[in-house]
Amino acid sequence: MIDYINSMKSFLDNTVGSLTLIQRAVLIGSLLGDGSLRKQGTRTNALLEVNHAAKHSQYVDWKYKIFQTHVLTPPKRRFGNGKRVVYRFTTRSLPVFTVYYNWFYDRKEKRIPRDLILDPLSLTVWFMDDGNKSRTSYYLNTQQFQYEDQKYLIDLLEKSFGIHSTLNRDKKYYRIRIAVSGISNFNKLISPYIVSCLKYKLSDDPVTTDPKGKALI
């Protein structure tokens, strides 16, 4: 991933609003995953919150370096629900994040914009945030999104990367399962960019990385 960022230095002056292309890709991947945009109190502008398990602090530090120009306080550990320890940071409340808030949220609920564009970096961040392996299958945990949004994401994966995927039921919700035929291409796209502490998600070992411990039927 560091090599990828270094190779993109020539693009750092190219911005979308006040975000570089790398920041934009990481933001989109984060919003598809565990990242969130929110407005504090009566503030007009939104901020980005990055929040992951403390054991993945390297990943949070990586995101922090990417958004550091928009952050006042470095990442810190804090206790989440129960005994869970998380590592997190928030950006400042800025107009550029409000643009993405208005694009990705409807009445404070995440939605998938119908003009969304994915690139390999945003796909990688999405998987690092919210993907897992279960036996021989890869999953993107999209349960937070509406059914039609998930169908749109399936079409987007096919159109953008030629990756076929399906929806699998997870209790009363659904999540995206990468088809066996698409796993090789999926690996090739994201493996060069995976942060070290999350490379286990692409392991060839048949052990599951799904917290549920079993594949969906």
N, C-alpha and C. Protein backbone atom coordinates (compact mmCIF):
# COMPACT_ATOMS: atom_id res chain seq x y z
N MET A 1 0.83 -1.20 0.00
CA MET A 1 0.00 0.00 0.00
C MET A 1 0.86 1.26 0.00
N ILE A 2 1.96 1.23 0.76
CA ILE A 2 2.85 2.38 0.81
C ILE A 2 3.44 2.64 -0.57
N ASP A 3 3.82 1.55 -1.27
CA ASP A 3 4.36 1.70 -2.62
C ASP A 3 3.33 2.32 -3.54
N TYR A 4 2.06 1.94 -3.35
CA TYR A 4 0.99 2.50 -4.18
C TYR A 4 0.87 4.01 -3.96
N ILE A 5 0.93 4.42 -2.68
CA ILE A 5 0.81 5.85 -2.37
C ILE A 5 1.99 6.62 -2.96
N ASN A 6 3.21 6.05 -2.84
CA ASN A 6 4.37 6.71 -3.41
C ASN A 6 4.26 6.85 -4.91
N SER A 7 3.69 5.81 -5.55
CA SER A 7 3.56 5.85 -7.00
C SER A 7 2.51 6.85 -7.45
N MET A 8 1.65 7.26 -6.51
CA MET A 8 0.58 8.20 -6.85
C MET A 8 0.95 9.65 -6.52
N LYS A 9 2.20 9.91 -6.12
CA LYS A 9 2.56 11.25 -5.70
C LYS A 9 2.30 12.29 -6.77
N SER A 10 2.45 11.89 -8.02
CA SER A 10 2.23 12.84 -9.11
C SER A 10 0.78 13.29 -9.19
N PHE A 11 -0.12 12.53 -8.53
CA PHE A 11 -1.53 12.87 -8.57
C PHE A 11 -1.97 13.70 -7.36
N LEU A 12 -1.06 13.89 -6.41
CA LEU A 12 -1.49 14.50 -5.15
C LEU A 12 -1.97 15.94 -5.31
N ASP A 13 -1.54 16.59 -6.37
CA ASP A 13 -2.01 17.95 -6.59
C ASP A 13 -3.38 17.98 -7.25
N ASN A 14 -3.82 16.84 -7.76
CA ASN A 14 -5.15 16.75 -8.36
C ASN A 14 -6.16 16.50 -7.26
N THR A 15 -7.13 17.35 -7.12
CA THR A 15 -8.07 17.22 -6.01
C THR A 15 -9.50 17.18 -6.50
N VAL A 16 -10.35 16.59 -5.69
CA VAL A 16 -11.79 16.64 -5.89
C VAL A 16 -12.31 17.43 -4.72
N GLY A 17 -12.71 18.70 -4.96
CA GLY A 17 -12.97 19.59 -3.84
C GLY A 17 -11.63 19.89 -3.20
N SER A 18 -11.46 19.60 -1.93
CA SER A 18 -10.17 19.77 -1.27
C SER A 18 -9.57 18.43 -0.89
N LEU A 19 -10.03 17.35 -1.52
CA LEU A 19 -9.47 16.03 -1.28
C LEU A 19 -8.61 15.59 -2.45
N THR A 20 -7.49 14.93 -2.16
CA THR A 20 -6.69 14.34 -3.22
C THR A 20 -7.43 13.12 -3.75
N LEU A 21 -6.98 12.59 -4.86
CA LEU A 21 -7.60 11.39 -5.42
C LEU A 21 -7.47 10.21 -4.47
N ILE A 22 -6.33 10.11 -3.78
CA ILE A 22 -6.14 9.03 -2.82
C ILE A 22 -7.10 9.20 -1.64
N GLN A 23 -7.21 10.41 -1.13
CA GLN A 23 -8.14 10.67 -0.02
C GLN A 23 -9.57 10.34 -0.43
N ARG A 24 -9.92 10.70 -1.65
CA ARG A 24 -11.27 10.42 -2.13
C ARG A 24 -11.52 8.92 -2.20
N ALA A 25 -10.56 8.15 -2.74
CA ALA A 25 -10.72 6.70 -2.86
C ALA A 25 -10.84 6.05 -1.49
N VAL A 26 -10.01 6.49 -0.55
CA VAL A 26 -10.05 5.92 0.80
C VAL A 26 -11.34 6.30 1.51
N LEU A 27 -11.81 7.52 1.29
CA LEU A 27 -13.08 7.94 1.89
C LEU A 27 -14.23 7.10 1.36
N ILE A 28 -14.30 6.90 0.06
CA ILE A 28 -15.38 6.10 -0.53
C ILE A 28 -15.33 4.67 -0.01
N GLY A 29 -14.13 4.07 0.01
CA GLY A 29 -14.01 2.72 0.54
C GLY A 29 -14.44 2.64 2.00
N SER A 30 -14.09 3.66 2.77
CA SER A 30 -14.47 3.69 4.18
C SER A 30 -15.97 3.82 4.36
N LEU A 31 -16.61 4.62 3.53
CA LEU A 31 -18.05 4.80 3.64
C LEU A 31 -18.81 3.55 3.21
N LEU A 32 -18.22 2.76 2.32
CA LEU A 32 -18.82 1.48 1.98
C LEU A 32 -18.63 0.48 3.13
N GLY A 33 -17.61 0.73 3.95
CA GLY A 33 -17.30 -0.15 5.07
C GLY A 33 -17.72 0.43 6.41
N ASP A 34 -16.74 0.54 7.32
CA ASP A 34 -17.03 0.93 8.70
C ASP A 34 -16.98 2.43 8.96
N GLY A 35 -16.49 3.21 8.00
CA GLY A 35 -16.37 4.65 8.20
C GLY A 35 -17.72 5.33 8.22
N SER A 36 -17.76 6.48 8.88
CA SER A 36 -19.03 7.22 8.93
C SER A 36 -18.77 8.72 8.88
N LEU A 37 -19.71 9.41 8.29
CA LEU A 37 -19.74 10.87 8.30
C LEU A 37 -20.89 11.30 9.18
N ARG A 38 -20.69 12.33 9.97
CA ARG A 38 -21.77 12.82 10.83
C ARG A 38 -21.58 14.30 11.12
N LYS A 39 -22.68 14.93 11.51
CA LYS A 39 -22.67 16.33 11.91
C LYS A 39 -22.83 16.40 13.42
N GLN A 40 -21.98 17.19 14.06
CA GLN A 40 -22.04 17.34 15.51
C GLN A 40 -22.95 18.50 15.89
N GLY A 41 -23.92 18.20 16.74
CA GLY A 41 -24.80 19.25 17.25
C GLY A 41 -25.44 20.06 16.14
N THR A 42 -25.24 21.36 16.21
CA THR A 42 -25.86 22.26 15.23
C THR A 42 -24.89 22.66 14.12
N ARG A 43 -23.75 21.99 14.07
CA ARG A 43 -22.76 22.35 13.05
C ARG A 43 -23.29 22.05 11.65
N THR A 44 -22.93 22.93 10.74
CA THR A 44 -23.38 22.80 9.36
C THR A 44 -22.62 21.72 8.62
N ASN A 45 -21.34 21.59 8.92
CA ASN A 45 -20.48 20.67 8.17
C ASN A 45 -20.28 19.34 8.87
N ALA A 46 -19.94 18.34 8.07
CA ALA A 46 -19.78 16.97 8.56
C ALA A 46 -18.30 16.67 8.83
N LEU A 47 -18.08 15.65 9.65
CA LEU A 47 -16.74 15.14 9.91
C LEU A 47 -16.70 13.65 9.60
N LEU A 48 -15.50 13.15 9.38
CA LEU A 48 -15.29 11.72 9.14
C LEU A 48 -14.80 11.08 10.43
N GLU A 49 -15.41 9.97 10.83
CA GLU A 49 -14.93 9.20 11.97
C GLU A 49 -14.38 7.86 11.48
N VAL A 50 -13.16 7.57 11.88
CA VAL A 50 -12.50 6.29 11.57
C VAL A 50 -12.33 5.54 12.89
N ASN A 51 -12.87 4.34 12.95
CA ASN A 51 -12.97 3.62 14.21
C ASN A 51 -12.80 2.12 13.94
N HIS A 52 -11.68 1.54 14.40
CA HIS A 52 -11.43 0.11 14.19
C HIS A 52 -10.91 -0.52 15.47
N ALA A 53 -10.91 -1.83 15.51
CA ALA A 53 -10.38 -2.55 16.67
C ALA A 53 -8.93 -2.15 16.92
N ALA A 54 -8.54 -2.07 18.19
CA ALA A 54 -7.20 -1.63 18.56
C ALA A 54 -6.12 -2.51 17.94
N LYS A 55 -6.42 -3.79 17.72
CA LYS A 55 -5.42 -4.69 17.13
C LYS A 55 -5.08 -4.30 15.70
N HIS A 56 -5.92 -3.47 15.09
CA HIS A 56 -5.67 -2.99 13.74
C HIS A 56 -5.23 -1.52 13.76
N SER A 57 -4.48 -1.15 14.79
CA SER A 57 -4.04 0.24 14.93
C SER A 57 -3.18 0.68 13.74
N GLN A 58 -2.42 -0.26 13.15
CA GLN A 58 -1.62 0.08 11.98
C GLN A 58 -2.49 0.60 10.85
N TYR A 59 -3.65 -0.01 10.69
CA TYR A 59 -4.58 0.40 9.64
C TYR A 59 -5.15 1.79 9.93
N VAL A 60 -5.49 2.05 11.17
CA VAL A 60 -6.00 3.37 11.55
C VAL A 60 -4.92 4.43 11.35
N ASP A 61 -3.69 4.11 11.73
CA ASP A 61 -2.59 5.05 11.54
C ASP A 61 -2.37 5.35 10.06
N TRP A 62 -2.55 4.31 9.23
CA TRP A 62 -2.42 4.51 7.79
C TRP A 62 -3.47 5.49 7.28
N LYS A 63 -4.72 5.32 7.71
CA LYS A 63 -5.78 6.25 7.31
C LYS A 63 -5.51 7.65 7.86
N TYR A 64 -5.01 7.70 9.09
CA TYR A 64 -4.72 8.99 9.70
C TYR A 64 -3.69 9.77 8.86
N LYS A 65 -2.65 9.09 8.39
CA LYS A 65 -1.64 9.76 7.59
C LYS A 65 -2.23 10.31 6.29
N ILE A 66 -3.20 9.59 5.76
CA ILE A 66 -3.84 10.04 4.52
C ILE A 66 -4.69 11.29 4.74
N PHE A 67 -5.39 11.33 5.89
CA PHE A 67 -6.29 12.47 6.17
C PHE A 67 -5.69 13.47 7.16
N GLN A 68 -4.41 13.36 7.44
CA GLN A 68 -3.80 14.15 8.50
C GLN A 68 -3.99 15.65 8.33
N THR A 69 -4.03 16.11 7.09
CA THR A 69 -4.20 17.55 6.86
C THR A 69 -5.56 18.05 7.31
N HIS A 70 -6.50 17.13 7.55
CA HIS A 70 -7.84 17.50 7.97
C HIS A 70 -8.15 17.08 9.41
N VAL A 71 -7.10 16.67 10.14
CA VAL A 71 -7.28 16.16 11.50
C VAL A 71 -6.49 17.00 12.50
N LEU A 72 -7.08 17.28 13.65
CA LEU A 72 -6.41 18.04 14.70
C LEU A 72 -5.74 17.15 15.74
N THR A 73 -6.36 16.01 16.05
CA THR A 73 -5.88 15.13 17.12
C THR A 73 -5.57 13.74 16.56
N PRO A 74 -4.37 13.21 16.82
CA PRO A 74 -4.00 11.87 16.34
C PRO A 74 -4.91 10.79 16.91
N PRO A 75 -4.87 9.59 16.34
CA PRO A 75 -5.71 8.49 16.83
C PRO A 75 -5.43 8.17 18.30
N LYS A 76 -6.49 7.72 18.99
CA LYS A 76 -6.38 7.35 20.40
C LYS A 76 -7.16 6.06 20.64
N ARG A 77 -6.73 5.34 21.67
CA ARG A 77 -7.47 4.15 22.11
C ARG A 77 -8.61 4.57 23.02
N ARG A 78 -9.69 3.83 22.94
CA ARG A 78 -10.81 4.06 23.86
C ARG A 78 -11.59 2.76 23.98
N PHE A 79 -12.34 2.65 25.07
CA PHE A 79 -13.17 1.46 25.26
C PHE A 79 -14.48 1.62 24.52
N GLY A 80 -14.81 0.57 23.74
CA GLY A 80 -16.08 0.56 23.04
C GLY A 80 -17.11 -0.16 23.87
N ASN A 81 -18.03 -0.84 23.20
CA ASN A 81 -19.04 -1.61 23.92
C ASN A 81 -18.42 -2.80 24.63
N GLY A 82 -18.77 -3.01 25.89
CA GLY A 82 -18.23 -4.12 26.65
C GLY A 82 -16.74 -3.96 26.86
N LYS A 83 -15.97 -5.02 26.57
CA LYS A 83 -14.52 -4.99 26.78
C LYS A 83 -13.76 -4.63 25.52
N ARG A 84 -14.46 -4.34 24.46
CA ARG A 84 -13.81 -4.05 23.18
C ARG A 84 -13.03 -2.74 23.26
N VAL A 85 -11.77 -2.79 22.83
CA VAL A 85 -10.93 -1.59 22.79
C VAL A 85 -10.79 -1.17 21.33
N VAL A 86 -11.09 0.08 21.05
CA VAL A 86 -11.02 0.58 19.68
C VAL A 86 -9.94 1.66 19.58
N TYR A 87 -9.58 1.93 18.36
CA TYR A 87 -8.56 2.93 18.05
C TYR A 87 -9.18 3.83 17.00
N ARG A 88 -9.24 5.13 17.25
CA ARG A 88 -10.05 5.98 16.38
C ARG A 88 -9.50 7.39 16.26
N PHE A 89 -10.00 8.09 15.25
CA PHE A 89 -9.78 9.53 15.13
C PHE A 89 -10.95 10.12 14.35
N THR A 90 -11.11 11.40 14.46
CA THR A 90 -12.10 12.12 13.67
C THR A 90 -11.41 13.29 12.97
N THR A 91 -11.93 13.65 11.83
CA THR A 91 -11.44 14.84 11.13
C THR A 91 -12.13 16.07 11.69
N ARG A 92 -11.72 17.22 11.20
CA ARG A 92 -12.46 18.44 11.49
C ARG A 92 -13.78 18.42 10.70
N SER A 93 -14.73 19.20 11.14
CA SER A 93 -15.98 19.38 10.39
C SER A 93 -15.70 20.36 9.27
N LEU A 94 -15.78 19.87 8.03
CA LEU A 94 -15.36 20.67 6.89
C LEU A 94 -16.37 20.56 5.74
N PRO A 95 -16.47 21.61 4.92
CA PRO A 95 -17.39 21.57 3.78
C PRO A 95 -17.18 20.39 2.85
N VAL A 96 -15.90 19.98 2.64
CA VAL A 96 -15.65 18.89 1.70
C VAL A 96 -16.29 17.59 2.18
N PHE A 97 -16.33 17.37 3.49
CA PHE A 97 -16.97 16.15 4.01
C PHE A 97 -18.49 16.28 3.97
N THR A 98 -18.98 17.50 4.02
CA THR A 98 -20.42 17.72 3.90
C THR A 98 -20.90 17.33 2.51
N VAL A 99 -20.09 17.58 1.51
CA VAL A 99 -20.43 17.17 0.14
C VAL A 99 -20.65 15.67 0.07
N TYR A 100 -19.74 14.92 0.69
CA TYR A 100 -19.86 13.47 0.67
C TYR A 100 -20.97 12.99 1.60
N TYR A 101 -21.20 13.72 2.67
CA TYR A 101 -22.32 13.39 3.56
C TYR A 101 -23.64 13.49 2.79
N ASN A 102 -23.81 14.57 2.05
CA ASN A 102 -25.04 14.75 1.27
C ASN A 102 -25.15 13.73 0.15
N TRP A 103 -24.03 13.24 -0.32
CA TRP A 103 -23.99 12.25 -1.41
C TRP A 103 -24.33 10.86 -0.90
N PHE A 104 -23.84 10.51 0.30
CA PHE A 104 -23.96 9.15 0.82
C PHE A 104 -25.08 8.95 1.85
N TYR A 105 -25.68 10.03 2.34
CA TYR A 105 -26.65 9.89 3.42
C TYR A 105 -28.01 10.48 3.05
N ASP A 106 -29.04 9.81 3.53
CA ASP A 106 -30.41 10.29 3.39
C ASP A 106 -31.06 10.19 4.76
N ARG A 107 -31.33 11.32 5.37
CA ARG A 107 -31.89 11.36 6.73
C ARG A 107 -31.02 10.56 7.70
N LYS A 108 -29.73 10.80 7.62
CA LYS A 108 -28.71 10.20 8.49
C LYS A 108 -28.49 8.71 8.25
N GLU A 109 -29.11 8.14 7.23
CA GLU A 109 -28.92 6.72 6.90
C GLU A 109 -28.07 6.60 5.65
N LYS A 110 -27.06 5.71 5.70
CA LYS A 110 -26.21 5.52 4.54
C LYS A 110 -26.99 4.96 3.36
N ARG A 111 -26.67 5.47 2.20
CA ARG A 111 -27.24 4.95 0.97
C ARG A 111 -26.10 4.86 -0.05
N ILE A 112 -26.35 4.18 -1.15
CA ILE A 112 -25.34 4.06 -2.20
C ILE A 112 -25.68 5.00 -3.35
N PRO A 113 -24.83 5.99 -3.61
CA PRO A 113 -25.09 6.91 -4.72
C PRO A 113 -25.12 6.16 -6.05
N ARG A 114 -26.05 6.51 -6.89
CA ARG A 114 -26.19 5.80 -8.16
C ARG A 114 -25.17 6.26 -9.21
N ASP A 115 -24.34 7.24 -8.86
CA ASP A 115 -23.25 7.63 -9.76
C ASP A 115 -21.90 7.30 -9.15
N LEU A 116 -21.88 6.33 -8.24
CA LEU A 116 -20.66 5.93 -7.56
C LEU A 116 -19.69 5.27 -8.54
N ILE A 117 -18.41 5.60 -8.39
CA ILE A 117 -17.35 4.99 -9.19
C ILE A 117 -16.35 4.33 -8.24
N LEU A 118 -15.99 3.08 -8.52
CA LEU A 118 -15.02 2.35 -7.70
C LEU A 118 -13.70 2.22 -8.45
N ASP A 119 -12.60 2.31 -7.71
CA ASP A 119 -11.30 1.97 -8.26
C ASP A 119 -10.67 0.92 -7.34
N PRO A 120 -9.54 0.32 -7.71
CA PRO A 120 -8.96 -0.73 -6.87
C PRO A 120 -8.66 -0.30 -5.44
N LEU A 121 -8.27 0.96 -5.24
CA LEU A 121 -7.97 1.40 -3.87
C LEU A 121 -9.23 1.48 -3.02
N SER A 122 -10.30 2.05 -3.56
CA SER A 122 -11.55 2.11 -2.80
C SER A 122 -12.09 0.71 -2.54
N LEU A 123 -11.94 -0.20 -3.51
CA LEU A 123 -12.37 -1.59 -3.32
C LEU A 123 -11.56 -2.24 -2.20
N THR A 124 -10.25 -1.98 -2.17
CA THR A 124 -9.39 -2.56 -1.14
C THR A 124 -9.78 -2.06 0.25
N VAL A 125 -10.00 -0.76 0.38
CA VAL A 125 -10.39 -0.20 1.68
C VAL A 125 -11.73 -0.76 2.12
N TRP A 126 -12.65 -0.90 1.19
CA TRP A 126 -13.94 -1.51 1.50
C TRP A 126 -13.76 -2.91 2.09
N PHE A 127 -12.89 -3.70 1.44
CA PHE A 127 -12.66 -5.06 1.94
C PHE A 127 -11.92 -5.05 3.28
N MET A 128 -10.91 -4.19 3.42
CA MET A 128 -10.18 -4.13 4.69
C MET A 128 -11.11 -3.71 5.82
N ASP A 129 -12.03 -2.81 5.53
CA ASP A 129 -12.99 -2.35 6.53
C ASP A 129 -13.99 -3.43 6.90
N ASP A 130 -14.59 -4.03 5.89
CA ASP A 130 -15.80 -4.81 6.13
C ASP A 130 -15.86 -6.11 5.35
N GLY A 131 -14.72 -6.68 5.02
CA GLY A 131 -14.70 -7.95 4.30
C GLY A 131 -14.14 -9.06 5.16
N ASN A 132 -14.42 -10.27 4.78
CA ASN A 132 -13.86 -11.42 5.48
C ASN A 132 -13.87 -12.65 4.58
N LYS A 133 -13.11 -13.64 5.00
CA LYS A 133 -13.06 -14.91 4.31
C LYS A 133 -13.77 -15.95 5.14
N SER A 134 -14.57 -16.79 4.49
CA SER A 134 -15.22 -17.89 5.18
C SER A 134 -15.02 -19.14 4.32
N ARG A 135 -14.12 -20.00 4.81
CA ARG A 135 -13.70 -21.17 4.03
C ARG A 135 -13.13 -20.71 2.70
N THR A 136 -13.76 -21.04 1.59
CA THR A 136 -13.21 -20.66 0.28
C THR A 136 -13.88 -19.43 -0.30
N SER A 137 -14.73 -18.77 0.46
CA SER A 137 -15.49 -17.64 -0.07
C SER A 137 -15.05 -16.33 0.58
N TYR A 138 -15.23 -15.23 -0.17
CA TYR A 138 -15.02 -13.89 0.36
C TYR A 138 -16.37 -13.21 0.48
N TYR A 139 -16.51 -12.43 1.54
CA TYR A 139 -17.75 -11.69 1.77
C TYR A 139 -17.48 -10.22 2.02
N LEU A 140 -18.39 -9.38 1.58
CA LEU A 140 -18.42 -7.97 1.92
C LEU A 140 -19.67 -7.77 2.77
N ASN A 141 -19.46 -7.36 4.00
CA ASN A 141 -20.58 -7.29 4.95
C ASN A 141 -21.39 -6.02 4.75
N THR A 142 -22.33 -6.12 3.85
CA THR A 142 -23.14 -4.98 3.42
C THR A 142 -24.51 -4.96 4.08
N GLN A 143 -24.64 -5.65 5.22
CA GLN A 143 -25.95 -5.76 5.87
C GLN A 143 -26.56 -4.40 6.22
N GLN A 144 -25.73 -3.39 6.37
CA GLN A 144 -26.23 -2.07 6.76
C GLN A 144 -26.99 -1.38 5.63
N PHE A 145 -26.80 -1.86 4.40
CA PHE A 145 -27.41 -1.21 3.25
C PHE A 145 -28.73 -1.86 2.86
N GLN A 146 -29.60 -1.08 2.26
CA GLN A 146 -30.87 -1.58 1.77
C GLN A 146 -30.63 -2.61 0.65
N TYR A 147 -31.60 -3.48 0.46
CA TYR A 147 -31.49 -4.56 -0.53
C TYR A 147 -31.17 -4.02 -1.92
N GLU A 148 -31.87 -2.98 -2.35
CA GLU A 148 -31.66 -2.42 -3.69
C GLU A 148 -30.27 -1.81 -3.81
N ASP A 149 -29.75 -1.22 -2.72
CA ASP A 149 -28.40 -0.69 -2.73
C ASP A 149 -27.38 -1.81 -2.92
N GLN A 150 -27.62 -2.93 -2.27
CA GLN A 150 -26.71 -4.06 -2.41
C GLN A 150 -26.74 -4.64 -3.82
N LYS A 151 -27.91 -4.68 -4.42
CA LYS A 151 -28.02 -5.14 -5.80
C LYS A 151 -27.24 -4.21 -6.73
N TYR A 152 -27.31 -2.92 -6.45
CA TYR A 152 -26.57 -1.95 -7.25
C TYR A 152 -25.06 -2.18 -7.11
N LEU A 153 -24.60 -2.47 -5.89
CA LEU A 153 -23.18 -2.73 -5.66
C LEU A 153 -22.72 -3.97 -6.41
N ILE A 154 -23.57 -4.98 -6.46
CA ILE A 154 -23.25 -6.20 -7.21
C ILE A 154 -23.06 -5.86 -8.69
N ASP A 155 -23.95 -5.05 -9.24
CA ASP A 155 -23.83 -4.63 -10.63
C ASP A 155 -22.56 -3.80 -10.84
N LEU A 156 -22.24 -2.97 -9.85
CA LEU A 156 -21.07 -2.10 -9.95
C LEU A 156 -19.77 -2.92 -9.95
N LEU A 157 -19.72 -3.96 -9.12
CA LEU A 157 -18.55 -4.83 -9.10
C LEU A 157 -18.35 -5.52 -10.45
N GLU A 158 -19.46 -5.91 -11.06
CA GLU A 158 -19.40 -6.57 -12.37
C GLU A 158 -18.94 -5.59 -13.44
N LYS A 159 -19.55 -4.40 -13.46
CA LYS A 159 -19.23 -3.43 -14.50
C LYS A 159 -17.83 -2.85 -14.34
N SER A 160 -17.41 -2.62 -13.10
CA SER A 160 -16.13 -1.96 -12.85
C SER A 160 -14.95 -2.90 -13.00
N PHE A 161 -15.11 -4.15 -12.53
CA PHE A 161 -13.96 -5.05 -12.45
C PHE A 161 -14.21 -6.43 -13.06
N GLY A 162 -15.40 -6.68 -13.55
CA GLY A 162 -15.71 -8.00 -14.07
C GLY A 162 -15.80 -9.05 -12.98
N ILE A 163 -16.09 -8.61 -11.75
CA ILE A 163 -16.20 -9.53 -10.62
C ILE A 163 -17.66 -9.89 -10.40
N HIS A 164 -17.96 -11.17 -10.54
CA HIS A 164 -19.33 -11.63 -10.32
C HIS A 164 -19.54 -11.91 -8.83
N SER A 165 -20.69 -11.49 -8.33
CA SER A 165 -21.01 -11.72 -6.92
C SER A 165 -22.50 -11.92 -6.78
N THR A 166 -22.90 -12.41 -5.63
CA THR A 166 -24.31 -12.67 -5.35
C THR A 166 -24.65 -12.19 -3.95
N LEU A 167 -25.95 -12.15 -3.65
CA LEU A 167 -26.40 -11.82 -2.30
C LEU A 167 -26.71 -13.10 -1.55
N ASN A 168 -26.20 -13.21 -0.35
CA ASN A 168 -26.48 -14.34 0.52
C ASN A 168 -27.15 -13.87 1.79
N ARG A 169 -28.13 -14.64 2.23
CA ARG A 169 -28.88 -14.25 3.42
C ARG A 169 -28.04 -14.47 4.68
N ASP A 170 -28.01 -13.47 5.53
CA ASP A 170 -27.36 -13.54 6.83
C ASP A 170 -28.44 -13.27 7.87
N LYS A 171 -29.07 -14.36 8.35
CA LYS A 171 -30.25 -14.25 9.20
C LYS A 171 -31.33 -13.49 8.43
N LYS A 172 -31.75 -12.31 8.90
CA LYS A 172 -32.81 -11.60 8.17
C LYS A 172 -32.23 -10.54 7.22
N TYR A 173 -30.90 -10.47 7.16
CA TYR A 173 -30.24 -9.50 6.30
C TYR A 173 -29.50 -10.21 5.16
N TYR A 174 -28.86 -9.42 4.30
CA TYR A 174 -28.07 -9.95 3.21
C TYR A 174 -26.68 -9.33 3.22
N ARG A 175 -25.73 -10.06 2.65
CA ARG A 175 -24.41 -9.51 2.41
C ARG A 175 -23.90 -10.06 1.09
N ILE A 176 -22.88 -9.40 0.54
CA ILE A 176 -22.37 -9.76 -0.78
C ILE A 176 -21.34 -10.87 -0.68
N ARG A 177 -21.51 -11.87 -1.49
CA ARG A 177 -20.56 -12.97 -1.58
C ARG A 177 -19.89 -12.93 -2.95
N ILE A 178 -18.55 -12.89 -2.95
CA ILE A 178 -17.81 -12.91 -4.20
C ILE A 178 -17.86 -14.33 -4.77
N ALA A 179 -18.31 -14.45 -6.00
CA ALA A 179 -18.41 -15.76 -6.63
C ALA A 179 -17.03 -16.39 -6.78
N VAL A 180 -16.97 -17.70 -6.74
CA VAL A 180 -15.70 -18.42 -6.87
C VAL A 180 -14.97 -17.98 -8.14
N SER A 181 -15.73 -17.75 -9.21
CA SER A 181 -15.13 -17.35 -10.48
C SER A 181 -14.49 -15.97 -10.42
N GLY A 182 -14.87 -15.17 -9.42
CA GLY A 182 -14.34 -13.81 -9.32
C GLY A 182 -13.24 -13.64 -8.30
N ILE A 183 -12.95 -14.68 -7.52
CA ILE A 183 -12.00 -14.55 -6.41
C ILE A 183 -10.58 -14.25 -6.91
N SER A 184 -10.16 -14.91 -7.97
CA SER A 184 -8.81 -14.69 -8.49
C SER A 184 -8.62 -13.24 -8.91
N ASN A 185 -9.58 -12.70 -9.66
CA ASN A 185 -9.50 -11.31 -10.11
C ASN A 185 -9.57 -10.36 -8.92
N PHE A 186 -10.44 -10.67 -7.97
CA PHE A 186 -10.58 -9.86 -6.78
C PHE A 186 -9.24 -9.78 -6.04
N ASN A 187 -8.59 -10.92 -5.86
CA ASN A 187 -7.29 -10.97 -5.18
C ASN A 187 -6.24 -10.13 -5.90
N LYS A 188 -6.20 -10.25 -7.22
CA LYS A 188 -5.21 -9.51 -8.00
C LYS A 188 -5.40 -8.00 -7.86
N LEU A 189 -6.64 -7.58 -7.77
CA LEU A 189 -6.92 -6.15 -7.68
C LEU A 189 -6.51 -5.56 -6.33
N ILE A 190 -6.78 -6.29 -5.27
CA ILE A 190 -6.60 -5.68 -3.95
C ILE A 190 -5.33 -6.11 -3.21
N SER A 191 -4.75 -7.24 -3.56
CA SER A 191 -3.61 -7.74 -2.77
C SER A 191 -2.41 -6.79 -2.76
N PRO A 192 -2.15 -6.01 -3.83
CA PRO A 192 -0.98 -5.11 -3.77
C PRO A 192 -1.15 -3.97 -2.76
N TYR A 193 -2.39 -3.70 -2.34
CA TYR A 193 -2.65 -2.52 -1.52
C TYR A 193 -3.02 -2.82 -0.07
N ILE A 194 -3.10 -4.08 0.29
CA ILE A 194 -3.54 -4.45 1.63
C ILE A 194 -2.50 -4.04 2.67
N VAL A 195 -2.95 -3.37 3.73
CA VAL A 195 -2.08 -3.01 4.85
C VAL A 195 -1.64 -4.29 5.56
N SER A 196 -0.42 -4.33 6.02
CA SER A 196 0.19 -5.56 6.55
C SER A 196 -0.66 -6.28 7.58
N CYS A 197 -1.24 -5.54 8.52
CA CYS A 197 -1.97 -6.18 9.62
C CYS A 197 -3.26 -6.84 9.16
N LEU A 198 -3.66 -6.60 7.91
CA LEU A 198 -4.90 -7.18 7.39
C LEU A 198 -4.67 -8.18 6.26
N LYS A 199 -3.41 -8.52 6.02
CA LYS A 199 -3.12 -9.47 4.95
C LYS A 199 -3.67 -10.86 5.24
N TYR A 200 -3.93 -11.14 6.51
CA TYR A 200 -4.50 -12.45 6.85
C TYR A 200 -5.84 -12.69 6.17
N LYS A 201 -6.52 -11.61 5.80
CA LYS A 201 -7.82 -11.76 5.15
C LYS A 201 -7.71 -12.38 3.76
N LEU A 202 -6.52 -12.34 3.18
CA LEU A 202 -6.31 -12.91 1.85
C LEU A 202 -5.53 -14.22 1.92
N SER A 203 -5.41 -14.78 3.10
CA SER A 203 -4.63 -16.00 3.28
C SER A 203 -5.22 -17.14 2.47
N ASP A 204 -4.34 -18.02 1.96
CA ASP A 204 -4.79 -19.22 1.27
C ASP A 204 -5.16 -20.32 2.24
N ASP A 205 -4.88 -20.09 3.51
CA ASP A 205 -5.25 -21.06 4.54
C ASP A 205 -6.77 -21.18 4.58
N PRO A 206 -7.33 -22.40 4.65
CA PRO A 206 -8.78 -22.56 4.64
C PRO A 206 -9.48 -22.07 5.90
N VAL A 207 -8.71 -21.64 6.90
CA VAL A 207 -9.33 -21.15 8.14
C VAL A 207 -10.17 -19.92 7.85
N THR A 208 -11.33 -19.83 8.45
CA THR A 208 -12.22 -18.70 8.23
C THR A 208 -11.75 -17.45 8.96
N THR A 209 -12.01 -16.29 8.38
CA THR A 209 -11.83 -15.03 9.08
C THR A 209 -13.17 -14.40 9.40
N ASP A 210 -14.22 -15.16 9.17
CA ASP A 210 -15.57 -14.73 9.48
C ASP A 210 -15.80 -14.89 10.98
N PRO A 211 -16.17 -13.82 11.70
CA PRO A 211 -16.40 -13.96 13.15
C PRO A 211 -17.48 -14.95 13.49
N LYS A 212 -18.35 -15.25 12.53
CA LYS A 212 -19.41 -16.22 12.79
C LYS A 212 -18.86 -17.65 12.75
N GLY A 213 -17.70 -17.81 12.09
CA GLY A 213 -17.04 -19.10 12.09
C GLY A 213 -17.58 -20.10 11.10
N LYS A 214 -18.45 -19.68 10.21
CA LYS A 214 -18.99 -20.63 9.24
C LYS A 214 -19.44 -19.91 7.99
N ALA A 215 -19.45 -20.60 6.90
CA ALA A 215 -19.90 -20.01 5.65
C ALA A 215 -21.42 -19.96 5.63
N LEU A 216 -21.93 -19.02 4.84
CA LEU A 216 -23.38 -18.93 4.68
C LEU A 216 -23.85 -19.96 3.67
N ILE A 217 -25.07 -20.36 3.79
CA ILE A 217 -25.65 -21.33 2.86
C ILE A 217 -26.51 -20.57 1.85
